[in-house]
């Protein structure tokens, strides 16, 4: 079971990976012709979808890895590389193709329902968030650990809901520049977490790398 500060680190890492502030411009653009009630419904469905996807990743992640014969250290390195690419993209405040491609974004403008796809999947609970949950989730196997990780996921979903409900006001107050600043700060946190993923994964794959450390 992880220490308390590690659960806080998980929450911070998930907020950085999911980056609900960064998805606000797209949410506003996709829902500009919808009523306030429709936007609230989209926000609620999106937040619930994020909760469900990440809970499934928490509960089913390890069996899936075992089915494909993938060890957690190798998955930690692969997930760290993916999260690192996302963090570097966020540092440049550019579109992250690991989340969605320009073609997918253009297609999303034609969709009548946008809450699950593309907002929840893959923009918010995409490969980076799923990888983070699997890596952290399987650092312990007690029911208390799963309960605490589930609570972190629930807290994240509530933050997503609050951000989407307040999206028009946030967009007006912060502007594009303000949201880019937040995205870059989150990208820095994300890159740091990714380096830790990779370092721990390599240390487990090649124990000799840790032999010289105190």
Protein backbone atom coordinates (compact mmCIF):
# COMPACT_ATOMS: atom_id res chain seq x y z
CA UNK A 1 0.00 0.00 0.00
CA UNK A 2 1.32 3.44 -0.90
CA UNK A 3 2.01 6.27 1.54
CA UNK A 4 -0.51 9.10 1.93
CA UNK A 5 1.66 11.56 0.01
CA UNK A 6 1.75 9.11 -2.91
CA UNK A 7 -2.05 9.19 -3.18
CA UNK A 8 -1.83 12.98 -3.31
CA UNK A 9 0.84 12.61 -5.99
CA UNK A 10 -1.52 10.34 -7.90
CA UNK A 11 -4.29 12.96 -7.77
CA UNK A 12 -1.92 15.70 -8.95
CA UNK A 13 -0.60 13.43 -11.68
CA UNK A 14 -4.07 12.53 -12.89
CA UNK A 15 -5.14 16.18 -12.96
CA UNK A 16 -2.03 16.93 -15.03
CA UNK A 17 -2.68 14.01 -17.40
CA UNK A 18 -6.41 14.64 -17.80
CA UNK A 19 -5.93 18.45 -17.89
CA UNK A 20 -9.62 19.47 -17.67
CA UNK A 21 -8.66 23.14 -18.18
CA UNK A 22 -7.03 22.28 -21.50
CA UNK A 23 -10.20 20.66 -22.88
CA UNK A 24 -12.38 23.69 -22.12
CA UNK A 25 -11.81 25.46 -25.49
CA UNK A 26 -12.90 22.34 -27.40
CA UNK A 27 -15.87 21.78 -25.08
CA UNK A 28 -17.02 25.37 -25.62
CA UNK A 29 -16.56 25.07 -29.39
CA UNK A 30 -18.45 21.78 -29.62
CA UNK A 31 -21.35 22.96 -27.46
CA UNK A 32 -21.65 26.54 -28.68
CA UNK A 33 -25.00 25.91 -30.40
CA UNK A 34 -26.47 23.88 -27.53
CA UNK A 35 -28.70 25.03 -24.68
CA UNK A 36 -27.42 25.47 -21.12
CA UNK A 37 -29.33 22.35 -20.09
CA UNK A 38 -27.67 20.33 -22.86
CA UNK A 39 -24.23 21.55 -21.78
CA UNK A 40 -24.92 20.51 -18.19
CA UNK A 41 -26.07 17.08 -19.37
CA UNK A 42 -22.93 16.69 -21.48
CA UNK A 43 -20.75 17.69 -18.50
CA UNK A 44 -22.42 15.16 -16.18
CA UNK A 45 -22.26 12.28 -18.69
CA UNK A 46 -18.62 13.11 -19.49
CA UNK A 47 -17.61 13.14 -15.82
CA UNK A 48 -19.40 9.84 -15.15
CA UNK A 49 -17.75 8.29 -18.22
CA UNK A 50 -14.31 9.35 -16.98
CA UNK A 51 -15.11 7.77 -13.60
CA UNK A 52 -16.25 4.49 -15.16
CA UNK A 53 -13.32 4.20 -17.60
CA UNK A 54 -10.68 4.79 -14.92
CA UNK A 55 -12.38 2.47 -12.42
CA UNK A 56 -12.37 -0.27 -15.08
CA UNK A 57 -8.66 0.42 -15.66
CA UNK A 58 -8.05 0.11 -11.91
CA UNK A 59 -9.92 -3.19 -11.53
CA UNK A 60 -9.15 -4.85 -14.85
CA UNK A 61 -5.72 -3.44 -15.69
CA UNK A 62 -3.60 -6.16 -14.07
CA UNK A 63 -5.62 -9.12 -15.48
CA UNK A 64 -5.34 -7.59 -18.96
CA UNK A 65 -1.57 -7.23 -18.60
CA UNK A 66 -1.34 -10.84 -17.40
CA UNK A 67 -3.45 -12.03 -20.33
CA UNK A 68 -1.02 -10.46 -22.81
CA UNK A 69 2.02 -11.54 -20.79
CA UNK A 70 3.15 -7.98 -20.09
CA UNK A 71 5.05 -7.32 -16.88
CA UNK A 72 4.32 -4.23 -14.82
CA UNK A 73 7.92 -2.90 -15.09
CA UNK A 74 7.76 -2.98 -18.91
CA UNK A 75 4.32 -1.37 -18.85
CA UNK A 76 5.64 1.27 -16.42
CA UNK A 77 8.39 2.21 -18.89
CA UNK A 78 6.02 2.24 -21.88
CA UNK A 79 3.42 4.24 -19.97
CA UNK A 80 6.12 6.64 -18.78
CA UNK A 81 7.27 7.26 -22.36
CA UNK A 82 3.68 7.96 -23.44
CA UNK A 83 3.07 10.31 -20.52
CA UNK A 84 6.42 12.02 -21.19
CA UNK A 85 5.40 12.72 -24.80
CA UNK A 86 2.11 14.17 -23.56
CA UNK A 87 3.96 16.32 -21.03
CA UNK A 88 6.37 17.65 -23.65
CA UNK A 89 3.45 18.47 -25.92
CA UNK A 90 1.72 20.31 -23.07
CA UNK A 91 4.91 22.28 -22.34
CA UNK A 92 4.68 23.61 -25.89
CA UNK A 93 0.89 24.14 -25.51
CA UNK A 94 0.39 22.20 -28.73
CA UNK A 95 -2.21 19.62 -29.74
CA UNK A 96 -1.33 16.18 -28.42
CA UNK A 97 -1.82 13.51 -31.08
CA UNK A 98 -1.66 10.84 -28.36
CA UNK A 99 -5.02 12.17 -27.16
CA UNK A 100 -6.63 12.87 -30.52
CA UNK A 101 -5.67 13.70 -34.08
CA UNK A 102 -6.83 16.74 -36.07
CA UNK A 103 -9.02 14.41 -38.13
CA UNK A 104 -10.76 13.12 -35.01
CA UNK A 105 -11.24 16.66 -33.74
CA UNK A 106 -12.80 17.73 -37.04
CA UNK A 107 -15.11 14.71 -37.02
CA UNK A 108 -16.23 15.49 -33.46
CA UNK A 109 -17.87 18.73 -34.64
CA UNK A 110 -20.31 16.61 -36.63
CA UNK A 111 -21.28 14.35 -33.72
CA UNK A 112 -24.61 14.89 -32.02
CA UNK A 113 -23.43 13.33 -28.76
CA UNK A 114 -19.97 14.46 -27.64
CA UNK A 115 -19.97 13.56 -23.94
CA UNK A 116 -18.42 10.09 -24.20
CA UNK A 117 -16.59 10.46 -27.52
CA UNK A 118 -14.48 12.53 -27.93
CA UNK A 119 -14.58 14.34 -24.56
CA UNK A 120 -14.38 11.44 -22.08
CA UNK A 121 -12.57 9.12 -24.50
CA UNK A 122 -9.90 9.83 -25.65
CA UNK A 123 -9.48 13.49 -24.59
CA UNK A 124 -9.84 13.13 -20.81
CA UNK A 125 -9.55 9.45 -19.88
CA UNK A 126 -7.17 8.55 -22.67
CA UNK A 127 -4.08 6.29 -22.81
CA UNK A 128 -2.07 8.52 -20.46
CA UNK A 129 -4.68 8.50 -17.69
CA UNK A 130 -5.32 4.78 -18.08
CA UNK A 131 -1.58 4.02 -17.92
CA UNK A 132 -1.21 6.17 -14.80
CA UNK A 133 -4.08 4.39 -13.04
CA UNK A 134 -2.73 0.93 -13.90
CA UNK A 135 0.78 1.77 -12.69
CA UNK A 136 -0.33 3.40 -9.43
CA UNK A 137 -3.29 1.09 -8.91
CA UNK A 138 -1.17 -2.01 -8.77
CA UNK A 139 1.33 -0.66 -6.26
CA UNK A 140 -0.82 -2.39 -3.65
CA UNK A 141 -3.48 -5.08 -3.44
CA UNK A 142 -5.37 -4.38 -0.22
CA UNK A 143 -8.98 -3.24 -0.25
CA UNK A 144 -7.93 -0.03 1.51
CA UNK A 145 -5.54 0.73 -1.34
CA UNK A 146 -8.19 0.19 -4.02
CA UNK A 147 -10.65 2.27 -2.00
CA UNK A 148 -8.21 5.17 -1.76
CA UNK A 149 -7.31 5.01 -5.46
CA UNK A 150 -11.04 4.86 -6.26
CA UNK A 151 -11.55 7.95 -4.10
CA UNK A 152 -8.82 9.72 -6.06
CA UNK A 153 -10.60 8.81 -9.31
CA UNK A 154 -13.90 10.08 -7.91
CA UNK A 155 -12.26 13.35 -6.87
CA UNK A 156 -10.83 13.72 -10.37
CA UNK A 157 -14.25 13.14 -11.92
CA UNK A 158 -15.77 15.84 -9.70
CA UNK A 159 -13.02 18.25 -10.81
CA UNK A 160 -13.81 17.43 -14.44
CA UNK A 161 -17.50 18.06 -13.79
CA UNK A 162 -16.80 21.40 -12.10
CA UNK A 163 -14.47 22.50 -14.90
CA UNK A 164 -16.97 21.64 -17.65
CA UNK A 165 -19.91 23.24 -15.84
CA UNK A 166 -17.90 26.45 -15.43
CA UNK A 167 -16.26 26.19 -18.87
CA UNK A 168 -17.78 29.35 -20.45
CA UNK A 169 -16.85 31.50 -17.43
CA UNK A 170 -13.37 30.01 -17.17
CA UNK A 171 -12.78 30.59 -20.89
CA UNK A 172 -13.88 34.23 -20.58
CA UNK A 173 -11.80 34.96 -17.47
CA UNK A 174 -8.59 33.12 -18.35
CA UNK A 175 -8.57 33.50 -22.11
CA UNK A 176 -6.44 31.34 -24.36
CA UNK A 177 -3.18 32.67 -22.91
CA UNK A 178 -4.18 31.87 -19.34
CA UNK A 179 -5.23 28.34 -20.24
CA UNK A 180 -1.96 27.81 -22.11
CA UNK A 181 -0.04 28.86 -18.99
CA UNK A 182 -1.96 26.31 -16.88
CA UNK A 183 -1.36 23.66 -19.55
CA UNK A 184 2.40 24.32 -19.52
CA UNK A 185 2.57 24.07 -15.72
CA UNK A 186 0.63 20.79 -15.84
CA UNK A 187 2.99 19.60 -18.56
CA UNK A 188 5.97 20.18 -16.28
CA UNK A 189 4.38 18.10 -13.50
CA UNK A 190 3.49 15.45 -16.04
CA UNK A 191 7.02 15.21 -17.44
CA UNK A 192 8.42 14.83 -13.92
CA UNK A 193 6.00 12.02 -13.11
CA UNK A 194 6.84 10.33 -16.42
CA UNK A 195 10.56 10.38 -15.64
CA UNK A 196 9.82 8.72 -12.30
CA UNK A 197 7.74 6.04 -14.05
CA UNK A 198 10.56 5.31 -16.48
CA UNK A 199 13.28 5.31 -13.81
CA UNK A 200 11.39 2.87 -11.56
CA UNK A 201 10.49 0.65 -14.49
CA UNK A 202 14.08 0.48 -15.73
CA UNK A 203 15.27 -0.18 -12.19
CA UNK A 204 12.91 -3.17 -11.96
CA UNK A 205 13.86 -4.47 -15.40
CA UNK A 206 17.59 -3.98 -14.84
CA UNK A 207 18.32 -4.18 -11.10
CA UNK A 208 22.00 -3.53 -11.78
CA UNK A 209 21.05 0.09 -12.51
CA UNK A 210 20.07 0.47 -8.85
CA UNK A 211 23.16 -1.25 -7.43
CA UNK A 212 25.14 2.00 -7.27
CA UNK A 213 22.39 3.97 -5.57
CA UNK A 214 22.42 4.51 -1.78
